[in-house]
Every structure is written in C-alpha cells, then in structure tokens.
Amino acid sequence: MSKHKHHIDRPLLILLAILVVGGCLIFASASFGYLARSGNSVSSIVFSHVVLGVGLGLVALTEKE
C-alpha cells in the first residue's frame, strides 16, 4: 500500500483563517452594539444567528434548481 502525503494549501488556509477571524470580530462588534441598545443576552443573539445562519445556509446549500 502506498503512502500518500496530504499537503495543506497554506495560502488557502491563511485566507480562511483571516476570513473567519474577521467575521467573528464583525459579529462581536455588531452584537455589542445590539446589546447596548436592547439589553438582550449574548446567548440569545448567538443562538439566533447560528440558527438563522447555519439553518438557512444549509437549506440554501441543499436547495436544487
């Protein structure tokens, strides 16, 4: 059995890391502004964003034309 080395595409990994960290910073900034105005809890904001983002994202991803 031959051994295959798996190489990670380093520029893609760096780009993805930058996008994820940037998205988290933008989310945190928007959440703090929303918390200051409305007084909701952080967990309710995170839950609603995860449900809407992941839930609707998966629906849109699996939707067939």
PDB file of N, CA and C in Angstrom:
ATOM      1  N   MET A   1       0.838  -1.170   0.000  1.00  0.00           N
ATOM      2  CA  MET A   1       0.000   0.000   0.000  1.00  0.00           C
ATOM      3  C   MET A   1       0.888   1.241   0.000  1.00  0.00           C
ATOM      4  N   SER A   2       0.627   2.146  -0.888  1.00  0.00           N
ATOM      5  CA  SER A   2       1.466   3.340  -0.989  1.00  0.00           C
ATOM      6  C   SER A   2       1.021   4.393   0.021  1.00  0.00           C
ATOM      7  N   LYS A   3       2.004   5.147   0.454  1.00  0.00           N
ATOM      8  CA  LYS A   3       1.724   6.203   1.419  1.00  0.00           C
ATOM      9  C   LYS A   3       1.543   7.515   0.658  1.00  0.00           C
ATOM     10  N   HIS A   4       0.420   8.143   0.882  1.00  0.00           N
ATOM     11  CA  HIS A   4       0.158   9.439   0.263  1.00  0.00           C
ATOM     12  C   HIS A   4       0.313  10.522   1.315  1.00  0.00           C
ATOM     13  N   LYS A   5       1.134  11.508   0.999  1.00  0.00           N
ATOM     14  CA  LYS A   5       1.265  12.643   1.893  1.00  0.00           C
ATOM     15  C   LYS A   5       0.207  13.665   1.509  1.00  0.00           C
ATOM     16  N   HIS A   6      -0.512  14.130   2.501  1.00  0.00           N
ATOM     17  CA  HIS A   6      -1.515  15.156   2.265  1.00  0.00           C
ATOM     18  C   HIS A   6      -0.893  16.509   2.563  1.00  0.00           C
ATOM     19  N   HIS A   7      -0.899  17.359   1.569  1.00  0.00           N
ATOM     20  CA  HIS A   7      -0.346  18.690   1.740  1.00  0.00           C
ATOM     21  C   HIS A   7      -1.480  19.684   1.908  1.00  0.00           C
ATOM     22  N   ILE A   8      -1.304  20.591   2.828  1.00  0.00           N
ATOM     23  CA  ILE A   8      -2.288  21.630   3.069  1.00  0.00           C
ATOM     24  C   ILE A   8      -1.941  22.827   2.191  1.00  0.00           C
ATOM     25  N   ASP A   9      -2.940  23.348   1.532  1.00  0.00           N
ATOM     26  CA  ASP A   9      -2.754  24.550   0.728  1.00  0.00           C
ATOM     27  C   ASP A   9      -2.641  25.738   1.688  1.00  0.00           C
ATOM     28  N   ARG A  10      -1.414  26.128   1.990  1.00  0.00           N
ATOM     29  CA  ARG A  10      -1.161  27.138   3.012  1.00  0.00           C
ATOM     30  C   ARG A  10      -1.803  28.494   2.710  1.00  0.00           C
ATOM     31  N   PRO A  11      -1.731  29.029   1.486  1.00  0.00           N
ATOM     32  CA  PRO A  11      -2.397  30.316   1.233  1.00  0.00           C
ATOM     33  C   PRO A  11      -3.912  30.250   1.446  1.00  0.00           C
ATOM     34  N   LEU A  12      -4.533  29.132   1.069  1.00  0.00           N
ATOM     35  CA  LEU A  12      -5.966  28.977   1.288  1.00  0.00           C
ATOM     36  C   LEU A  12      -6.275  28.905   2.776  1.00  0.00           C
ATOM     37  N   LEU A  13      -5.465  28.190   3.529  1.00  0.00           N
ATOM     38  CA  LEU A  13      -5.655  28.087   4.974  1.00  0.00           C
ATOM     39  C   LEU A  13      -5.527  29.451   5.643  1.00  0.00           C
ATOM     40  N   ILE A  14      -4.547  30.238   5.235  1.00  0.00           N
ATOM     41  CA  ILE A  14      -4.358  31.581   5.797  1.00  0.00           C
ATOM     42  C   ILE A  14      -5.541  32.471   5.446  1.00  0.00           C
ATOM     43  N   LEU A  15      -5.994  32.411   4.205  1.00  0.00           N
ATOM     44  CA  LEU A  15      -7.139  33.217   3.780  1.00  0.00           C
ATOM     45  C   LEU A  15      -8.398  32.839   4.564  1.00  0.00           C
ATOM     46  N   LEU A  16      -8.635  31.552   4.738  1.00  0.00           N
ATOM     47  CA  LEU A  16      -9.802  31.113   5.502  1.00  0.00           C
ATOM     48  C   LEU A  16      -9.719  31.561   6.957  1.00  0.00           C
ATOM     49  N   ALA A  17      -8.533  31.477   7.540  1.00  0.00           N
ATOM     50  CA  ALA A  17      -8.356  31.912   8.924  1.00  0.00           C
ATOM     51  C   ALA A  17      -8.624  33.409   9.059  1.00  0.00           C
ATOM     52  N   ILE A  18      -8.132  34.188   8.120  1.00  0.00           N
ATOM     53  CA  ILE A  18      -8.369  35.639   8.142  1.00  0.00           C
ATOM     54  C   ILE A  18      -9.860  35.942   8.015  1.00  0.00           C
ATOM     55  N   LEU A  19     -10.548  35.238   7.121  1.00  0.00           N
ATOM     56  CA  LEU A  19     -11.979  35.464   6.941  1.00  0.00           C
ATOM     57  C   LEU A  19     -12.787  35.063   8.173  1.00  0.00           C
ATOM     58  N   VAL A  20     -12.426  33.948   8.797  1.00  0.00           N
ATOM     59  CA  VAL A  20     -13.148  33.501   9.993  1.00  0.00           C
ATOM     60  C   VAL A  20     -12.917  34.467  11.152  1.00  0.00           C
ATOM     61  N   VAL A  21     -11.686  34.860  11.377  1.00  0.00           N
ATOM     62  CA  VAL A  21     -11.387  35.799  12.465  1.00  0.00           C
ATOM     63  C   VAL A  21     -12.048  37.148  12.200  1.00  0.00           C
ATOM     64  N   GLY A  22     -11.985  37.620  10.971  1.00  0.00           N
ATOM     65  CA  GLY A  22     -12.640  38.882  10.626  1.00  0.00           C
ATOM     66  C   GLY A  22     -14.146  38.813  10.818  1.00  0.00           C
ATOM     67  N   GLY A  23     -14.748  37.705  10.429  1.00  0.00           N
ATOM     68  CA  GLY A  23     -16.186  37.535  10.619  1.00  0.00           C
ATOM     69  C   GLY A  23     -16.570  37.512  12.091  1.00  0.00           C
ATOM     70  N   CYS A  24     -15.751  36.866  12.898  1.00  0.00           N
ATOM     71  CA  CYS A  24     -16.018  36.844  14.343  1.00  0.00           C
ATOM     72  C   CYS A  24     -15.901  38.235  14.947  1.00  0.00           C
ATOM     73  N   LEU A  25     -14.920  39.005  14.506  1.00  0.00           N
ATOM     74  CA  LEU A  25     -14.775  40.376  15.017  1.00  0.00           C
ATOM     75  C   LEU A  25     -15.957  41.252  14.607  1.00  0.00           C
ATOM     76  N   ILE A  26     -16.405  41.110  13.376  1.00  0.00           N
ATOM     77  CA  ILE A  26     -17.558  41.884  12.908  1.00  0.00           C
ATOM     78  C   ILE A  26     -18.813  41.474  13.673  1.00  0.00           C
ATOM     79  N   PHE A  27     -18.992  40.165  13.885  1.00  0.00           N
ATOM     80  CA  PHE A  27     -20.141  39.688  14.659  1.00  0.00           C
ATOM     81  C   PHE A  27     -20.099  40.222  16.083  1.00  0.00           C
ATOM     82  N   ALA A  28     -18.930  40.185  16.713  1.00  0.00           N
ATOM     83  CA  ALA A  28     -18.811  40.680  18.085  1.00  0.00           C
ATOM     84  C   ALA A  28     -19.110  42.172  18.154  1.00  0.00           C
ATOM     85  N   SER A  29     -18.630  42.934  17.208  1.00  0.00           N
ATOM     86  CA  SER A  29     -18.879  44.365  17.182  1.00  0.00           C
ATOM     87  C   SER A  29     -20.366  44.661  17.036  1.00  0.00           C
ATOM     88  N   ALA A  30     -21.010  43.964  16.113  1.00  0.00           N
ATOM     89  CA  ALA A  30     -22.448  44.182  15.912  1.00  0.00           C
ATOM     90  C   ALA A  30     -23.244  43.716  17.128  1.00  0.00           C
ATOM     91  N   SER A  31     -22.832  42.626  17.749  1.00  0.00           N
ATOM     92  CA  SER A  31     -23.542  42.109  18.922  1.00  0.00           C
ATOM     93  C   SER A  31     -23.448  43.079  20.093  1.00  0.00           C
ATOM     94  N   PHE A  32     -22.278  43.668  20.303  1.00  0.00           N
ATOM     95  CA  PHE A  32     -22.133  44.602  21.414  1.00  0.00           C
ATOM     96  C   PHE A  32     -22.992  45.844  21.196  1.00  0.00           C
ATOM     97  N   GLY A  33     -23.085  46.308  19.964  1.00  0.00           N
ATOM     98  CA  GLY A  33     -23.963  47.440  19.673  1.00  0.00           C
ATOM     99  C   GLY A  33     -25.414  47.103  19.911  1.00  0.00           C
ATOM    100  N   TYR A  34     -25.815  45.905  19.511  1.00  0.00           N
ATOM    101  CA  TYR A  34     -27.194  45.461  19.715  1.00  0.00           C
ATOM    102  C   TYR A  34     -27.488  45.271  21.204  1.00  0.00           C
ATOM    103  N   LEU A  35     -26.533  44.728  21.941  1.00  0.00           N
ATOM    104  CA  LEU A  35     -26.714  44.541  23.379  1.00  0.00           C
ATOM    105  C   LEU A  35     -26.862  45.870  24.106  1.00  0.00           C
ATOM    106  N   ALA A  36     -26.119  46.879  23.682  1.00  0.00           N
ATOM    107  CA  ALA A  36     -26.180  48.186  24.324  1.00  0.00           C
ATOM    108  C   ALA A  36     -27.553  48.830  24.117  1.00  0.00           C
ATOM    109  N   ARG A  37     -28.147  48.583  22.952  1.00  0.00           N
ATOM    110  CA  ARG A  37     -29.448  49.191  22.665  1.00  0.00           C
ATOM    111  C   ARG A  37     -30.614  48.398  23.238  1.00  0.00           C
ATOM    112  N   SER A  38     -30.568  47.069  23.164  1.00  0.00           N
ATOM    113  CA  SER A  38     -31.744  46.277  23.501  1.00  0.00           C
ATOM    114  C   SER A  38     -31.673  45.624  24.879  1.00  0.00           C
ATOM    115  N   GLY A  39     -30.517  45.298  25.353  1.00  0.00           N
ATOM    116  CA  GLY A  39     -30.383  44.654  26.648  1.00  0.00           C
ATOM    117  C   GLY A  39     -30.618  43.154  26.620  1.00  0.00           C
ATOM    118  N   ASN A  40     -30.674  42.539  25.449  1.00  0.00           N
ATOM    119  CA  ASN A  40     -30.815  41.077  25.361  1.00  0.00           C
ATOM    120  C   ASN A  40     -29.537  40.408  25.832  1.00  0.00           C
ATOM    121  N   SER A  41     -29.617  39.090  26.059  1.00  0.00           N
ATOM    122  CA  SER A  41     -28.426  38.360  26.486  1.00  0.00           C
ATOM    123  C   SER A  41     -27.599  37.935  25.264  1.00  0.00           C
ATOM    124  N   VAL A  42     -26.328  37.705  25.507  1.00  0.00           N
ATOM    125  CA  VAL A  42     -25.419  37.306  24.433  1.00  0.00           C
ATOM    126  C   VAL A  42     -25.830  35.948  23.876  1.00  0.00           C
ATOM    127  N   SER A  43     -26.261  35.047  24.743  1.00  0.00           N
ATOM    128  CA  SER A  43     -26.625  33.705  24.280  1.00  0.00           C
ATOM    129  C   SER A  43     -27.810  33.738  23.328  1.00  0.00           C
ATOM    130  N   SER A  44     -28.774  34.633  23.537  1.00  0.00           N
ATOM    131  CA  SER A  44     -29.912  34.708  22.626  1.00  0.00           C
ATOM    132  C   SER A  44     -29.486  35.234  21.260  1.00  0.00           C
ATOM    133  N   ILE A  45     -28.554  36.163  21.241  1.00  0.00           N
ATOM    134  CA  ILE A  45     -28.066  36.700  19.970  1.00  0.00           C
ATOM    135  C   ILE A  45     -27.281  35.640  19.219  1.00  0.00           C
ATOM    136  N   VAL A  46     -26.393  34.945  19.909  1.00  0.00           N
ATOM    137  CA  VAL A  46     -25.589  33.900  19.272  1.00  0.00           C
ATOM    138  C   VAL A  46     -26.496  32.785  18.764  1.00  0.00           C
ATOM    139  N   PHE A  47     -27.467  32.378  19.565  1.00  0.00           N
ATOM    140  CA  PHE A  47     -28.377  31.306  19.162  1.00  0.00           C
ATOM    141  C   PHE A  47     -29.160  31.701  17.909  1.00  0.00           C
ATOM    142  N   SER A  48     -29.693  32.910  17.893  1.00  0.00           N
ATOM    143  CA  SER A  48     -30.479  33.328  16.726  1.00  0.00           C
ATOM    144  C   SER A  48     -29.612  33.414  15.475  1.00  0.00           C
ATOM    145  N   HIS A  49     -28.392  33.888  15.609  1.00  0.00           N
ATOM    146  CA  HIS A  49     -27.512  33.980  14.445  1.00  0.00           C
ATOM    147  C   HIS A  49     -27.086  32.600  13.956  1.00  0.00           C
ATOM    148  N   VAL A  50     -26.823  31.697  14.877  1.00  0.00           N
ATOM    149  CA  VAL A  50     -26.426  30.342  14.477  1.00  0.00           C
ATOM    150  C   VAL A  50     -27.593  29.636  13.806  1.00  0.00           C
ATOM    151  N   VAL A  51     -28.790  29.759  14.389  1.00  0.00           N
ATOM    152  CA  VAL A  51     -29.960  29.103  13.801  1.00  0.00           C
ATOM    153  C   VAL A  51     -30.250  29.680  12.424  1.00  0.00           C
ATOM    154  N   LEU A  52     -30.261  30.999  12.324  1.00  0.00           N
ATOM    155  CA  LEU A  52     -30.554  31.612  11.029  1.00  0.00           C
ATOM    156  C   LEU A  52     -29.427  31.382  10.033  1.00  0.00           C
ATOM    157  N   GLY A  53     -28.197  31.555  10.473  1.00  0.00           N
ATOM    158  CA  GLY A  53     -27.066  31.421   9.560  1.00  0.00           C
ATOM    159  C   GLY A  53     -26.830  30.001   9.107  1.00  0.00           C
ATOM    160  N   VAL A  54     -26.710  29.094  10.055  1.00  0.00           N
ATOM    161  CA  VAL A  54     -26.432  27.703   9.709  1.00  0.00           C
ATOM    162  C   VAL A  54     -27.682  27.035   9.139  1.00  0.00           C
ATOM    163  N   GLY A  55     -28.816  27.246   9.784  1.00  0.00           N
ATOM    164  CA  GLY A  55     -30.053  26.616   9.337  1.00  0.00           C
ATOM    165  C   GLY A  55     -30.451  27.044   7.939  1.00  0.00           C
ATOM    166  N   LEU A  56     -30.567  28.334   7.735  1.00  0.00           N
ATOM    167  CA  LEU A  56     -30.952  28.825   6.406  1.00  0.00           C
ATOM    168  C   LEU A  56     -29.836  28.610   5.389  1.00  0.00           C
ATOM    169  N   GLY A  57     -28.598  28.645   5.841  1.00  0.00           N
ATOM    170  CA  GLY A  57     -27.484  28.372   4.940  1.00  0.00           C
ATOM    171  C   GLY A  57     -27.506  26.943   4.414  1.00  0.00           C
ATOM    172  N   LEU A  58     -27.808  26.003   5.299  1.00  0.00           N
ATOM    173  CA  LEU A  58     -27.904  24.601   4.864  1.00  0.00           C
ATOM    174  C   LEU A  58     -29.087  24.386   3.929  1.00  0.00           C
ATOM    175  N   VAL A  59     -30.193  25.065   4.211  1.00  0.00           N
ATOM    176  CA  VAL A  59     -31.351  24.956   3.315  1.00  0.00           C
ATOM    177  C   VAL A  59     -30.995  25.504   1.936  1.00  0.00           C
ATOM    178  N   ALA A  60     -30.338  26.659   1.915  1.00  0.00           N
ATOM    179  CA  ALA A  60     -29.957  27.258   0.628  1.00  0.00           C
ATOM    180  C   ALA A  60     -28.915  26.406  -0.083  1.00  0.00           C
ATOM    181  N   LEU A  61     -28.038  25.781   0.665  1.00  0.00           N
ATOM    182  CA  LEU A  61     -26.993  24.955   0.068  1.00  0.00           C
ATOM    183  C   LEU A  61     -27.560  23.692  -0.564  1.00  0.00           C
ATOM    184  N   THR A  62     -28.571  23.116   0.072  1.00  0.00           N
ATOM    185  CA  THR A  62     -29.129  21.867  -0.439  1.00  0.00           C
ATOM    186  C   THR A  62     -30.296  22.078  -1.393  1.00  0.00           C
ATOM    187  N   GLU A  63     -30.715  23.306  -1.583  1.00  0.00           N
ATOM    188  CA  GLU A  63     -31.824  23.609  -2.494  1.00  0.00           C
ATOM    189  C   GLU A  63     -31.410  23.308  -3.929  1.00  0.00           C
ATOM    190  N   LYS A  64     -32.256  22.572  -4.629  1.00  0.00           N
ATOM    191  CA  LYS A  64     -31.953  22.221  -6.011  1.00  0.00           C
ATOM    192  C   LYS A  64     -32.777  23.101  -6.943  1.00  0.00           C
ATOM    193  N   GLU A  65     -32.197  23.383  -8.067  1.00  0.00           N
ATOM    194  CA  GLU A  65     -32.896  24.224  -9.055  1.00  0.00           C
ATOM    195  C   GLU A  65     -33.954  23.460  -9.766  1.00  0.00           C
TER     196      GLU A  65
END
